[in-house]
Amino acid sequence: MTDDLQFNDLTGKETTMLEGGINGQDFKALFDAGMTWLRTNHQLVNSLNVFPVPDGDTGTNMLLTMQAAMNEVQHSGELNIGKMAHSLAKGALLGARGNSGVILSQIWRGFARSLDSVDMMDVNQFVGALHEARNTAYKGVVRPVEGTILTVINDMAAAADEALKTTSDLKTMLEVVVSAADKSVRNTPELLPVLKQAGVVDSGGKGLYFIFDGIARFLNNQPLDTAIATVQPLSALSLEQTKEEIEPGQDYEVVIDFKPYKTLNLEEFYSQLSDIGTSIQIGEGDGMYRMHIHVPTDRRYDPIDYTMSIGTVTKVNMENLLDQMNGSSDSSREPEIKFPEVEPGNIAVIVVSPGTGISRIFASLGAAGVVHGGQTMNPSTEEILHAFENLPTDKIIILPNNKNIILAAQTAVSMSVKKVAVIPSKNVPQGLSALLRLIPDGNFEQNVKEMNEALSDVETCEITQATRSVEINGVHVKEGEVIGLLNGKLVYSSDNLKQTCLELLKEAGADERERITFFYGNNISEEEVNTIIETVQIRYPDHELEVHQGGQPHYQFIIAVE
């Protein structure tokens, strides 16, 4: 991922590219600027998570989708904008991650389709491209929901239509479009009640706004490397993920807890930190702030000195990132997972799995391949495609096991000549239930039917820690509490893991079921697991209990109730 997140210096460049229309190289530069501004602010987009669960990855998914598009044209000198747009769209489609990334790739696909026979893009063609981008994005979603990125691209196209009556200037048109995107994003909570409940705007729409705003900023010679000041709840900081995004010159990770002497000026704070390093994140809780930054070796003490000048430092943690990354490559290596051989002509099942332990269980039940992914780590369309394209059979079934991966899986299907079906499993227990119905040498359509039916055979419970204080579905949640989700719906919150677990099982109707299977994550000790299991065994003495090391991040437990 290191190479994917390199920063391209686009700031301060003079441009006259709009005067005679936009050619392929101009479009490439504008696209790069949009991606750069999104990269600068992608953590802000990540923080706009509706539910208080640690899966805020919309910004990352959109950024990696954009980067995949840029990788496709990195060395291209193509001047024809139609051909350039198609290359970018191809890269975005292959690299699409999560629902937001897939929809974004469809936007660029529609944009490119409109420019098929165009050498240079003028204002009329730009407006037409926005129209086709909107239409393609809506067609790519079975049940379009307003108050999302779809609404934002629709409002942008409508505003462009109206502006075309009074202007033929591309720069003016772009400013109108950016303004419309901003207004549309701000209005998303009025269209989608769950956003209003959570007190956030739509994250995908915000990401799209940053892309087009970045283009406008580039044309106005505004900086693209200073993030819009924002602060997250302490528990929402995804510091583990930042270690996967190490750029050249990021030698040390510095994390500082401090109490400011006076009200923290976020704009100034960000500005000062941006001069020191990158990957800046700031969290706040009860007047205490946590600052995270990546810095080169010669500046590793600068964040400490600066923070001490504005507040009382209570804790400092410093890690050598390069040493850590190099040292972990061997120690973290897991024994190879053994998959069953696929017989030519038989059905092969590809699963998406969030943890090594869960992957081993899938393999033992007959899965032919595993794509690593789940919450906060949605695999790309290309990764899913590669997982089955070389298997010695033309009959493939995919189990995404996450609602945010279904669209990417369906996109992979559209790009394959094989006979491929996606079973829309939204979680691991559903995927396991479906896989148990597999008859590898059976009829393909009958297998698909049986596996789809199996999704309703299991109730899925998930336990994690709340990343924000919010009230959703009548459940009052405080940041840091243990929360329980039943089939993806928030149903319980407390400060006690055992209590949350018992209440969640009650909500799942465990009394009427026979078997409870626990998959515990990498953020809970075996001692804690054993204590919980003993309590559950006492509460459900006649039930069959199974316990497996799932190895999934963020979620203490994934529980199947059958």
Protein backbone atom coordinates (compact mmCIF):
# COMPACT_ATOMS: atom_id res chain seq x y z
CA MET A 1 0.00 0.00 0.00
CA THR A 2 3.01 2.26 0.40
CA ASP A 3 3.36 2.99 -3.29
CA ASP A 4 -0.37 3.56 -3.62
CA LEU A 5 -0.35 6.53 -1.29
CA GLN A 6 2.55 8.60 -2.59
CA PHE A 7 1.87 12.32 -2.73
CA ASN A 8 2.07 14.15 -6.00
CA ASP A 9 3.05 17.79 -5.66
CA LEU A 10 0.46 19.68 -7.67
CA THR A 11 0.25 22.84 -5.63
CA GLY A 12 1.26 26.26 -6.89
CA LYS A 13 1.27 25.33 -10.57
CA GLU A 14 0.16 27.86 -13.17
CA THR A 15 -2.44 26.53 -15.56
CA THR A 16 -4.05 27.81 -18.70
CA MET A 17 -5.42 24.41 -19.68
CA LEU A 18 -9.05 25.55 -19.75
CA GLU A 19 -8.59 28.22 -22.37
CA GLY A 20 -8.76 25.91 -25.37
CA GLY A 21 -10.58 22.99 -23.78
CA ILE A 22 -9.24 20.02 -21.84
CA ASN A 23 -7.13 17.33 -23.52
CA GLY A 24 -6.06 13.95 -22.12
CA GLN A 25 -3.01 15.22 -20.24
CA ASP A 26 -4.99 18.11 -18.77
CA PHE A 27 -7.65 15.70 -17.57
CA LYS A 28 -5.00 13.47 -16.03
CA ALA A 29 -3.57 16.43 -14.09
CA LEU A 30 -7.04 17.50 -12.90
CA PHE A 31 -7.90 13.95 -11.87
CA ASP A 32 -4.61 13.75 -9.94
CA ALA A 33 -5.39 17.02 -8.16
CA GLY A 34 -8.81 15.71 -7.12
CA MET A 35 -7.21 12.53 -5.82
CA THR A 36 -4.56 14.49 -3.93
CA TRP A 37 -7.13 16.67 -2.15
CA LEU A 38 -9.13 13.55 -1.27
CA ARG A 39 -5.97 11.93 0.12
CA THR A 40 -5.32 14.97 2.28
CA ASN A 41 -8.83 14.78 3.74
CA HIS A 42 -9.67 11.07 3.52
CA GLN A 43 -9.50 10.59 7.30
CA LEU A 44 -12.17 13.26 7.67
CA VAL A 45 -14.33 11.29 5.23
CA ASN A 46 -13.59 8.11 7.20
CA SER A 47 -14.81 9.78 10.39
CA LEU A 48 -18.28 10.42 8.89
CA ASN A 49 -19.50 7.01 9.92
CA VAL A 50 -23.20 6.64 10.72
CA PHE A 51 -23.04 3.73 13.11
CA PRO A 52 -20.68 3.86 16.10
CA VAL A 53 -18.67 0.90 14.82
CA PRO A 54 -14.99 0.95 13.78
CA ASP A 55 -15.58 0.52 10.06
CA GLY A 56 -15.22 4.08 8.85
CA ASP A 57 -13.30 3.43 5.64
CA THR A 58 -15.23 5.29 2.94
CA GLY A 59 -12.45 7.84 2.43
CA THR A 60 -9.80 5.14 2.19
CA ASN A 61 -11.89 3.10 -0.27
CA MET A 62 -12.49 6.10 -2.52
CA LEU A 63 -8.83 7.13 -2.34
CA LEU A 64 -7.54 3.68 -3.28
CA THR A 65 -10.06 3.53 -6.13
CA MET A 66 -8.76 6.86 -7.45
CA GLN A 67 -5.15 5.71 -7.01
CA ALA A 68 -5.85 2.54 -8.99
CA ALA A 69 -7.19 4.73 -11.78
CA MET A 70 -4.07 6.90 -11.74
CA ASN A 71 -1.82 3.84 -11.73
CA GLU A 72 -3.44 2.81 -15.02
CA VAL A 73 -2.27 6.02 -16.76
CA GLN A 74 0.86 6.78 -14.76
CA HIS A 75 3.17 6.73 -17.79
CA SER A 76 0.61 7.59 -20.46
CA GLY A 77 1.19 10.55 -22.73
CA GLU A 78 -2.25 10.21 -24.35
CA LEU A 79 -3.63 13.56 -25.55
CA ASN A 80 -7.10 12.35 -26.56
CA ILE A 81 -9.38 12.99 -23.55
CA GLY A 82 -11.80 10.21 -24.52
CA LYS A 83 -9.05 7.59 -24.49
CA MET A 84 -7.56 9.01 -21.28
CA ALA A 85 -10.96 8.98 -19.55
CA HIS A 86 -11.52 5.36 -20.57
CA SER A 87 -8.13 4.31 -19.19
CA LEU A 88 -8.84 6.06 -15.89
CA ALA A 89 -12.28 4.46 -15.72
CA LYS A 90 -10.79 1.02 -16.37
CA GLY A 91 -8.30 1.47 -13.53
CA ALA A 92 -11.02 2.72 -11.20
CA LEU A 93 -13.24 -0.25 -12.02
CA LEU A 94 -10.51 -2.81 -11.31
CA GLY A 95 -9.38 -1.02 -8.17
CA ALA A 96 -12.86 -0.26 -6.79
CA ARG A 97 -13.19 -0.99 -3.07
CA GLY A 98 -16.34 -0.92 -1.00
CA ASN A 99 -19.70 0.39 -2.13
CA SER A 100 -18.40 3.96 -2.31
CA GLY A 101 -15.46 2.94 -4.50
CA VAL A 102 -17.67 0.93 -6.86
CA ILE A 103 -20.14 3.81 -7.27
CA LEU A 104 -17.23 6.21 -7.83
CA SER A 105 -15.85 3.91 -10.53
CA GLN A 106 -19.28 3.96 -12.21
CA ILE A 107 -19.24 7.76 -12.16
CA TRP A 108 -15.93 7.75 -14.02
CA ARG A 109 -17.20 5.01 -16.34
CA GLY A 110 -20.17 7.18 -17.32
CA PHE A 111 -17.92 10.21 -17.69
CA ALA A 112 -15.69 8.28 -20.08
CA ARG A 113 -18.62 6.86 -22.03
CA SER A 114 -19.83 10.37 -22.78
CA LEU A 115 -16.39 11.34 -24.14
CA ASP A 116 -16.02 8.35 -26.51
CA SER A 117 -15.37 10.35 -29.66
CA VAL A 118 -14.02 13.54 -28.07
CA ASP A 119 -10.45 14.86 -28.50
CA MET A 120 -10.81 18.01 -26.38
CA MET A 121 -13.53 18.62 -23.80
CA ASP A 122 -15.39 21.93 -23.78
CA VAL A 123 -18.04 23.13 -21.34
CA ASN A 124 -20.94 21.47 -23.18
CA GLN A 125 -19.16 18.14 -23.23
CA PHE A 126 -18.29 18.51 -19.55
CA VAL A 127 -21.96 18.96 -18.68
CA GLY A 128 -22.88 16.01 -20.88
CA ALA A 129 -20.24 13.88 -19.15
CA LEU A 130 -21.70 14.76 -15.75
CA HIS A 131 -25.13 13.66 -17.01
CA GLU A 132 -23.83 10.29 -18.19
CA ALA A 133 -21.82 9.90 -14.97
CA ARG A 134 -25.01 10.37 -12.97
CA ASN A 135 -27.02 7.98 -15.14
CA THR A 136 -24.39 5.25 -15.01
CA ALA A 137 -23.99 5.54 -11.24
CA TYR A 138 -27.73 5.20 -10.66
CA LYS A 139 -27.97 2.22 -13.02
CA GLY A 140 -25.16 0.49 -11.11
CA VAL A 141 -27.20 0.32 -7.90
CA VAL A 142 -30.21 -2.00 -7.65
CA ARG A 143 -32.01 0.12 -5.04
CA PRO A 144 -30.69 3.71 -5.21
CA VAL A 145 -30.91 5.57 -1.90
CA GLU A 146 -31.20 9.34 -1.81
CA GLY A 147 -29.06 11.27 0.64
CA THR A 148 -25.96 9.49 -0.61
CA ILE A 149 -23.22 10.02 -3.22
CA LEU A 150 -25.89 9.36 -5.86
CA THR A 151 -27.84 12.42 -4.76
CA VAL A 152 -24.69 14.52 -4.84
CA ILE A 153 -23.73 13.60 -8.42
CA ASN A 154 -27.36 14.17 -9.44
CA ASP A 155 -27.39 17.66 -7.92
CA MET A 156 -24.06 18.45 -9.56
CA ALA A 157 -25.43 17.48 -12.98
CA ALA A 158 -28.62 19.51 -12.42
CA ALA A 159 -26.65 22.60 -11.37
CA ALA A 160 -24.42 22.27 -14.43
CA ASP A 161 -27.51 22.14 -16.63
CA GLU A 162 -28.82 25.36 -15.17
CA ALA A 163 -25.45 27.13 -15.34
CA LEU A 164 -25.02 26.22 -19.01
CA LYS A 165 -27.78 28.73 -19.80
CA THR A 166 -25.57 31.62 -18.67
CA THR A 167 -21.92 30.57 -19.07
CA SER A 168 -19.60 28.85 -21.52
CA ASP A 169 -16.57 29.14 -19.25
CA LEU A 170 -15.25 25.83 -17.91
CA LYS A 171 -13.74 27.29 -14.77
CA THR A 172 -16.98 29.07 -13.88
CA MET A 173 -18.90 25.85 -14.56
CA LEU A 174 -16.58 23.90 -12.30
CA GLU A 175 -17.09 26.40 -9.49
CA VAL A 176 -20.86 26.01 -9.88
CA VAL A 177 -20.54 22.23 -9.74
CA VAL A 178 -18.35 22.31 -6.63
CA SER A 179 -20.75 24.68 -4.90
CA ALA A 180 -23.66 22.39 -5.79
CA ALA A 181 -21.78 19.38 -4.41
CA ASP A 182 -21.09 21.20 -1.15
CA LYS A 183 -24.74 22.23 -0.79
CA SER A 184 -25.95 18.74 -1.65
CA VAL A 185 -23.65 17.10 0.92
CA ARG A 186 -24.85 19.47 3.63
CA ASN A 187 -28.43 18.54 2.78
CA THR A 188 -27.96 14.75 2.93
CA PRO A 189 -29.12 14.49 6.58
CA GLU A 190 -32.49 15.92 5.51
CA LEU A 191 -32.92 13.10 3.01
CA LEU A 192 -31.57 10.23 5.07
CA PRO A 193 -32.85 10.24 8.67
CA VAL A 194 -30.10 7.95 9.93
CA LEU A 195 -27.54 10.63 9.02
CA LYS A 196 -29.45 13.22 11.03
CA GLN A 197 -29.63 10.82 13.97
CA ALA A 198 -25.88 10.34 13.90
CA GLY A 199 -25.15 14.02 13.33
CA VAL A 200 -23.09 13.49 10.17
CA VAL A 201 -23.31 14.10 6.44
CA ASP A 202 -22.98 11.32 3.86
CA SER A 203 -19.36 10.17 3.68
CA GLY A 204 -19.40 9.09 0.00
CA GLY A 205 -20.92 12.40 -1.04
CA LYS A 206 -18.28 14.24 0.98
CA GLY A 207 -15.56 12.26 -0.75
CA LEU A 208 -16.94 13.17 -4.18
CA TYR A 209 -17.06 16.82 -3.11
CA PHE A 210 -13.37 16.72 -2.11
CA ILE A 211 -12.42 15.29 -5.52
CA PHE A 212 -14.06 18.09 -7.48
CA ASP A 213 -13.06 20.71 -4.93
CA GLY A 214 -9.47 19.54 -5.34
CA ILE A 215 -9.72 20.15 -9.08
CA ALA A 216 -11.02 23.67 -8.44
CA ARG A 217 -8.30 24.34 -5.88
CA PHE A 218 -5.63 23.21 -8.33
CA LEU A 219 -6.95 25.61 -10.99
CA ASN A 220 -6.93 28.42 -8.44
CA ASN A 221 -3.39 27.61 -7.28
CA GLN A 222 -4.57 26.74 -3.78
CA PRO A 223 -2.64 24.23 -1.66
CA LEU A 224 -3.68 20.58 -1.70
CA ASP A 225 -1.52 19.31 1.15
CA THR A 226 -3.16 20.94 4.18
CA ALA A 227 -6.20 19.09 5.48
CA ILE A 228 -9.41 20.76 6.54
CA ALA A 229 -9.13 20.92 10.32
CA THR A 230 -11.11 18.20 12.04
CA VAL A 231 -11.06 16.30 15.29
CA GLN A 232 -12.34 12.78 15.92
CA PRO A 233 -13.40 10.93 19.06
CA LEU A 234 -10.36 9.26 20.61
CA SER A 235 -11.80 5.81 20.06
CA ALA A 236 -12.35 6.52 16.35
CA LEU A 237 -8.66 7.01 15.59
CA SER A 238 -7.59 4.14 13.31
CA LEU A 239 -3.88 4.19 14.11
CA GLU A 240 -3.35 0.58 13.08
CA GLN A 241 -4.40 1.42 9.53
CA THR A 242 -1.92 4.27 9.23
CA LYS A 243 0.94 1.78 9.52
CA GLU A 244 -0.20 0.28 6.22
CA GLU A 245 -0.01 3.70 4.56
CA ILE A 246 3.65 4.53 5.08
CA GLU A 247 5.03 6.95 2.52
CA PRO A 248 8.69 7.72 1.74
CA GLY A 249 10.21 9.85 4.48
CA GLN A 250 7.85 8.57 7.17
CA ASP A 251 10.43 6.97 9.45
CA TYR A 252 8.80 7.41 12.87
CA GLU A 253 5.26 7.33 14.22
CA VAL A 254 4.69 9.76 17.10
CA VAL A 255 1.55 9.67 19.25
CA ILE A 256 1.12 12.32 21.95
CA ASP A 257 -1.59 12.74 24.60
CA PHE A 258 -1.90 16.29 25.90
CA LYS A 259 -4.13 18.88 27.55
CA PRO A 260 -3.99 22.29 25.83
CA TYR A 261 -3.45 25.39 27.96
CA LYS A 262 -6.35 27.07 26.17
CA THR A 263 -8.98 26.24 23.56
CA LEU A 264 -7.22 24.43 20.73
CA ASN A 265 -7.15 26.29 17.42
CA LEU A 266 -7.47 23.34 15.05
CA GLU A 267 -6.58 25.30 11.91
CA GLU A 268 -3.34 26.55 13.40
CA PHE A 269 -2.60 23.17 14.99
CA TYR A 270 -2.98 21.36 11.65
CA SER A 271 -0.92 23.99 9.85
CA GLN A 272 1.98 23.63 12.27
CA LEU A 273 1.88 19.84 12.17
CA SER A 274 1.72 19.81 8.35
CA ASP A 275 5.11 21.51 8.30
CA ILE A 276 6.52 18.69 10.42
CA GLY A 277 5.08 15.48 8.98
CA THR A 278 2.18 13.59 7.39
CA SER A 279 -0.62 11.10 8.25
CA ILE A 280 -1.90 13.59 10.83
CA GLN A 281 -4.84 12.56 12.99
CA ILE A 282 -6.30 14.26 16.03
CA GLY A 283 -8.70 12.77 18.57
CA GLU A 284 -10.44 14.38 21.53
CA GLY A 285 -12.19 13.11 24.65
CA ASP A 286 -13.07 14.90 27.89
CA GLY A 287 -10.66 17.76 27.20
CA MET A 288 -7.76 15.41 26.46
CA TYR A 289 -6.32 15.36 22.93
CA ARG A 290 -4.34 12.67 21.13
CA MET A 291 -2.17 13.68 18.19
CA HIS A 292 -0.81 11.18 15.67
CA ILE A 293 1.81 11.96 13.03
CA HIS A 294 4.45 10.30 10.79
CA VAL A 295 7.79 12.14 10.58
CA PRO A 296 11.30 11.69 9.11
CA THR A 297 14.08 10.66 11.47
CA ASP A 298 15.60 14.12 11.83
CA ARG A 299 12.25 15.61 12.92
CA ARG A 300 11.04 12.89 15.30
CA TYR A 301 11.23 15.17 18.35
CA ASP A 302 9.63 18.22 16.71
CA PRO A 303 5.99 17.16 17.38
CA ILE A 304 6.83 16.74 21.06
CA ASP A 305 8.47 20.15 21.31
CA TYR A 306 5.59 21.84 19.54
CA THR A 307 2.89 20.11 21.60
CA MET A 308 4.70 21.01 24.84
CA SER A 309 4.57 24.66 23.81
CA ILE A 310 0.76 24.66 23.64
CA GLY A 311 -0.20 22.25 26.42
CA THR A 312 0.72 19.72 29.08
CA VAL A 313 2.00 16.47 27.58
CA THR A 314 0.82 13.43 29.56
CA LYS A 315 2.02 10.57 27.34
CA VAL A 316 4.33 10.08 24.36
CA ASN A 317 4.75 6.99 22.20
CA MET A 318 7.34 6.82 19.42
CA GLU A 319 7.91 3.87 17.08
CA ASN A 320 10.40 3.24 14.29
CA LEU A 321 8.00 2.44 11.43
CA LEU A 322 10.52 1.03 9.00
CA ASP A 323 12.05 -1.25 11.60
CA GLN A 324 8.63 -2.37 12.70
CA MET A 325 7.49 -3.11 9.17
CA ASN A 326 10.70 -4.99 8.33
CA GLY A 327 10.70 -6.88 11.58
CA SER A 328 7.12 -7.97 11.39
CA SER A 329 7.32 -9.54 7.98
CA ASP A 330 8.58 -12.89 9.28
CA SER A 331 7.11 -13.00 12.78
CA SER A 332 3.58 -12.36 11.57
CA ARG A 333 3.73 -15.04 8.92
CA GLU A 334 0.98 -17.61 9.42
CA PRO A 335 1.13 -21.25 8.34
CA GLU A 336 -0.21 -21.65 4.84
CA ILE A 337 -3.92 -22.38 4.55
CA LYS A 338 -4.62 -25.60 2.65
CA PHE A 339 -7.50 -25.44 0.21
CA PRO A 340 -9.19 -28.43 -1.41
CA GLU A 341 -8.28 -29.14 -5.01
CA VAL A 342 -10.83 -27.91 -7.52
CA GLU A 343 -11.94 -30.52 -10.03
CA PRO A 344 -12.50 -29.21 -13.56
CA GLY A 345 -16.19 -28.68 -14.16
CA ASN A 346 -17.04 -28.57 -10.44
CA ILE A 347 -18.24 -25.51 -8.55
CA ALA A 348 -15.57 -23.47 -6.74
CA VAL A 349 -16.45 -21.08 -3.93
CA ILE A 350 -14.45 -17.95 -3.20
CA VAL A 351 -15.00 -16.32 0.20
CA VAL A 352 -14.02 -13.00 1.74
CA SER A 353 -12.71 -13.48 5.27
CA PRO A 354 -11.66 -10.94 7.94
CA GLY A 355 -9.33 -13.20 9.94
CA THR A 356 -6.93 -16.13 9.58
CA GLY A 357 -8.89 -18.40 11.92
CA ILE A 358 -12.10 -17.80 10.01
CA SER A 359 -10.25 -18.39 6.73
CA ARG A 360 -9.12 -21.82 7.96
CA ILE A 361 -12.69 -22.76 8.82
CA PHE A 362 -13.88 -21.70 5.38
CA ALA A 363 -11.12 -23.78 3.77
CA SER A 364 -12.00 -26.81 5.90
CA LEU A 365 -15.61 -26.56 4.70
CA GLY A 366 -14.61 -26.59 1.03
CA ALA A 367 -13.82 -23.00 0.01
CA ALA A 368 -11.45 -22.98 -2.96
CA GLY A 369 -9.94 -19.59 -2.15
CA VAL A 370 -10.02 -16.75 0.33
CA VAL A 371 -9.78 -13.02 -0.24
CA HIS A 372 -8.63 -11.24 2.89
CA GLY A 373 -11.03 -8.47 3.80
CA GLY A 374 -13.96 -7.25 5.85
CA GLN A 375 -14.62 -4.20 7.99
CA THR A 376 -12.09 -1.40 7.25
CA MET A 377 -10.32 -3.54 4.65
CA ASN A 378 -12.59 -4.00 1.66
CA PRO A 379 -10.83 -5.87 -1.16
CA SER A 380 -10.78 -4.43 -4.66
CA THR A 381 -12.71 -5.73 -7.63
CA GLU A 382 -9.42 -6.89 -9.13
CA GLU A 383 -8.46 -8.85 -6.00
CA ILE A 384 -11.78 -10.71 -6.08
CA LEU A 385 -11.44 -11.33 -9.83
CA HIS A 386 -7.91 -12.71 -9.48
CA ALA A 387 -9.04 -15.09 -6.75
CA PHE A 388 -11.04 -17.20 -9.20
CA GLU A 389 -9.92 -16.39 -12.74
CA ASN A 390 -7.12 -18.98 -12.72
CA LEU A 391 -9.08 -21.79 -11.06
CA PRO A 392 -9.57 -24.86 -13.33
CA THR A 393 -13.36 -24.44 -13.56
CA ASP A 394 -15.82 -22.06 -15.15
CA LYS A 395 -18.39 -22.34 -12.32
CA ILE A 396 -17.74 -19.89 -9.49
CA ILE A 397 -19.73 -18.79 -6.44
CA ILE A 398 -18.61 -15.77 -4.38
CA LEU A 399 -19.46 -15.19 -0.72
CA PRO A 400 -18.62 -11.53 0.11
CA ASN A 401 -19.58 -11.88 3.81
CA ASN A 402 -19.86 -8.12 4.18
CA LYS A 403 -22.53 -5.75 2.88
CA ASN A 404 -19.87 -3.29 1.72
CA ILE A 405 -18.18 -5.87 -0.51
CA ILE A 406 -21.22 -7.17 -2.40
CA LEU A 407 -21.06 -4.46 -5.10
CA ALA A 408 -17.35 -5.09 -5.74
CA ALA A 409 -18.06 -8.82 -6.04
CA GLN A 410 -20.89 -8.17 -8.51
CA THR A 411 -18.59 -5.92 -10.52
CA ALA A 412 -16.02 -8.74 -10.68
CA VAL A 413 -18.74 -10.99 -12.09
CA SER A 414 -19.40 -8.54 -14.91
CA MET A 415 -15.72 -8.62 -15.87
CA SER A 416 -15.39 -12.41 -16.10
CA VAL A 417 -16.28 -14.78 -18.94
CA LYS A 418 -16.90 -17.54 -16.40
CA LYS A 419 -20.27 -18.49 -14.95
CA VAL A 420 -20.19 -16.60 -11.66
CA ALA A 421 -22.85 -15.99 -9.01
CA VAL A 422 -22.68 -13.78 -5.93
CA ILE A 423 -24.48 -15.02 -2.84
CA PRO A 424 -25.17 -11.73 -0.96
CA SER A 425 -23.89 -12.87 2.44
CA LYS A 426 -23.52 -9.86 4.73
CA ASN A 427 -21.47 -11.48 7.47
CA VAL A 428 -19.30 -14.49 8.28
CA PRO A 429 -22.03 -16.69 9.86
CA GLN A 430 -24.19 -16.25 6.76
CA GLY A 431 -21.24 -17.21 4.58
CA LEU A 432 -20.54 -20.34 6.64
CA SER A 433 -24.22 -21.30 6.59
CA ALA A 434 -24.30 -20.95 2.80
CA LEU A 435 -21.06 -22.88 2.28
CA LEU A 436 -22.45 -25.86 4.21
CA ARG A 437 -25.05 -26.23 1.46
CA LEU A 438 -22.42 -26.55 -1.29
CA ILE A 439 -22.41 -29.67 -3.47
CA PRO A 440 -19.32 -29.12 -5.65
CA ASP A 441 -20.35 -31.56 -8.39
CA GLY A 442 -24.04 -30.62 -8.24
CA ASN A 443 -26.19 -28.41 -10.44
CA PHE A 444 -24.96 -24.80 -10.45
CA GLU A 445 -28.37 -23.12 -10.31
CA GLN A 446 -29.58 -25.47 -7.58
CA ASN A 447 -26.47 -24.75 -5.51
CA VAL A 448 -27.04 -21.02 -5.87
CA LYS A 449 -30.68 -21.43 -4.81
CA GLU A 450 -29.82 -23.55 -1.78
CA MET A 451 -27.02 -21.26 -0.65
CA ASN A 452 -29.22 -18.19 -0.93
CA GLU A 453 -31.86 -19.89 1.20
CA ALA A 454 -29.23 -20.74 3.82
CA LEU A 455 -28.61 -17.05 4.54
CA SER A 456 -31.78 -16.93 6.64
CA ASP A 457 -30.85 -19.98 8.71
CA VAL A 458 -28.60 -18.07 11.08
CA GLU A 459 -28.80 -15.02 13.35
CA THR A 460 -25.58 -13.01 13.45
CA CYS A 461 -24.37 -11.15 16.54
CA GLU A 462 -21.38 -8.80 16.48
CA ILE A 463 -19.75 -7.12 19.45
CA THR A 464 -17.38 -4.17 19.21
CA GLN A 465 -16.56 -0.84 20.85
CA ALA A 466 -18.45 2.36 20.08
CA THR A 467 -16.45 5.02 18.29
CA ARG A 468 -18.92 7.84 18.96
CA SER A 469 -21.75 8.87 21.24
CA VAL A 470 -25.04 8.67 19.39
CA GLU A 471 -28.64 7.53 19.59
CA ILE A 472 -29.77 5.19 16.81
CA ASN A 473 -32.78 2.91 16.68
CA GLY A 474 -33.71 4.04 20.19
CA VAL A 475 -30.37 2.79 21.58
CA HIS A 476 -28.34 5.35 23.54
CA VAL A 477 -24.64 4.83 22.95
CA LYS A 478 -21.71 6.46 24.73
CA GLU A 479 -18.30 6.57 23.10
CA GLY A 480 -16.16 3.67 24.32
CA GLU A 481 -19.08 1.45 25.35
CA VAL A 482 -19.44 -2.16 24.25
CA ILE A 483 -22.15 -2.35 21.60
CA GLY A 484 -24.04 -5.29 20.14
CA LEU A 485 -25.36 -5.59 16.60
CA LEU A 486 -27.93 -8.16 15.50
CA ASN A 487 -27.89 -8.85 11.77
CA GLY A 488 -26.19 -5.48 11.26
CA LYS A 489 -28.69 -3.52 13.41
CA LEU A 490 -27.57 -1.80 16.59
CA VAL A 491 -29.62 -3.28 19.46
CA TYR A 492 -27.69 -2.86 22.73
CA SER A 493 -24.96 -0.84 24.43
CA SER A 494 -23.37 -1.01 27.89
CA ASP A 495 -20.03 -0.63 29.62
CA ASN A 496 -19.80 -4.37 30.25
CA LEU A 497 -18.79 -6.98 27.65
CA LYS A 498 -20.48 -9.88 29.43
CA GLN A 499 -23.77 -8.00 29.82
CA THR A 500 -23.75 -6.90 26.17
CA CYS A 501 -23.10 -10.46 25.07
CA LEU A 502 -25.98 -11.92 27.11
CA GLU A 503 -28.45 -9.23 26.05
CA LEU A 504 -27.45 -9.65 22.42
CA LEU A 505 -28.01 -13.41 22.54
CA LYS A 506 -31.40 -12.78 24.12
CA GLU A 507 -32.32 -10.40 21.30
CA ALA A 508 -31.18 -13.04 18.79
CA GLY A 509 -33.68 -15.53 20.23
CA ALA A 510 -30.99 -17.91 21.47
CA ASP A 511 -33.54 -19.58 23.79
CA GLU A 512 -35.30 -20.97 20.72
CA ARG A 513 -32.08 -22.08 18.99
CA GLU A 514 -29.78 -25.05 19.50
CA ARG A 515 -26.24 -23.96 18.70
CA ILE A 516 -24.12 -20.88 19.49
CA THR A 517 -20.75 -20.47 17.75
CA PHE A 518 -18.25 -17.84 18.89
CA PHE A 519 -15.46 -16.43 16.72
CA TYR A 520 -13.23 -14.25 18.88
CA GLY A 521 -11.06 -11.47 17.50
CA ASN A 522 -7.48 -10.34 17.91
CA ASN A 523 -8.45 -7.63 20.43
CA ILE A 524 -9.58 -9.91 23.29
CA SER A 525 -7.57 -12.23 25.55
CA GLU A 526 -8.25 -15.95 25.87
CA GLU A 527 -8.92 -15.38 29.57
CA GLU A 528 -11.71 -12.92 28.73
CA VAL A 529 -13.06 -15.32 26.13
CA ASN A 530 -13.18 -18.20 28.62
CA THR A 531 -14.97 -16.05 31.20
CA ILE A 532 -17.65 -15.06 28.67
CA ILE A 533 -18.10 -18.63 27.42
CA GLU A 534 -18.51 -19.96 30.97
CA THR A 535 -21.23 -17.38 31.62
CA VAL A 536 -23.02 -18.23 28.37
CA GLN A 537 -22.79 -21.96 29.13
CA ILE A 538 -24.49 -21.37 32.49
CA ARG A 539 -27.21 -19.31 30.86
CA TYR A 540 -27.74 -21.83 28.01
CA PRO A 541 -26.85 -25.24 29.54
CA ASP A 542 -28.63 -27.30 26.88
CA HIS A 543 -27.11 -25.52 23.90
CA GLU A 544 -24.19 -26.75 21.82
CA LEU A 545 -21.39 -24.19 22.16
CA GLU A 546 -18.44 -23.88 19.80
CA VAL A 547 -15.52 -21.47 20.19
CA HIS A 548 -13.02 -20.60 17.44
CA GLN A 549 -10.18 -18.13 17.17
CA GLY A 550 -11.42 -15.95 14.31
CA GLY A 551 -8.56 -13.45 14.30
CA GLN A 552 -10.78 -10.63 13.01
CA PRO A 553 -9.84 -7.02 13.91
CA HIS A 554 -12.04 -4.57 15.87
CA TYR A 555 -14.78 -7.06 16.80
CA GLN A 556 -14.33 -8.96 20.05
CA PHE A 557 -16.90 -11.49 18.94
CA ILE A 558 -18.74 -12.58 15.84
CA ILE A 559 -21.44 -15.00 17.00
CA ALA A 560 -23.60 -17.38 14.98
CA VAL A 561 -26.90 -18.42 16.58
CA GLU A 562 -28.53 -21.41 14.86
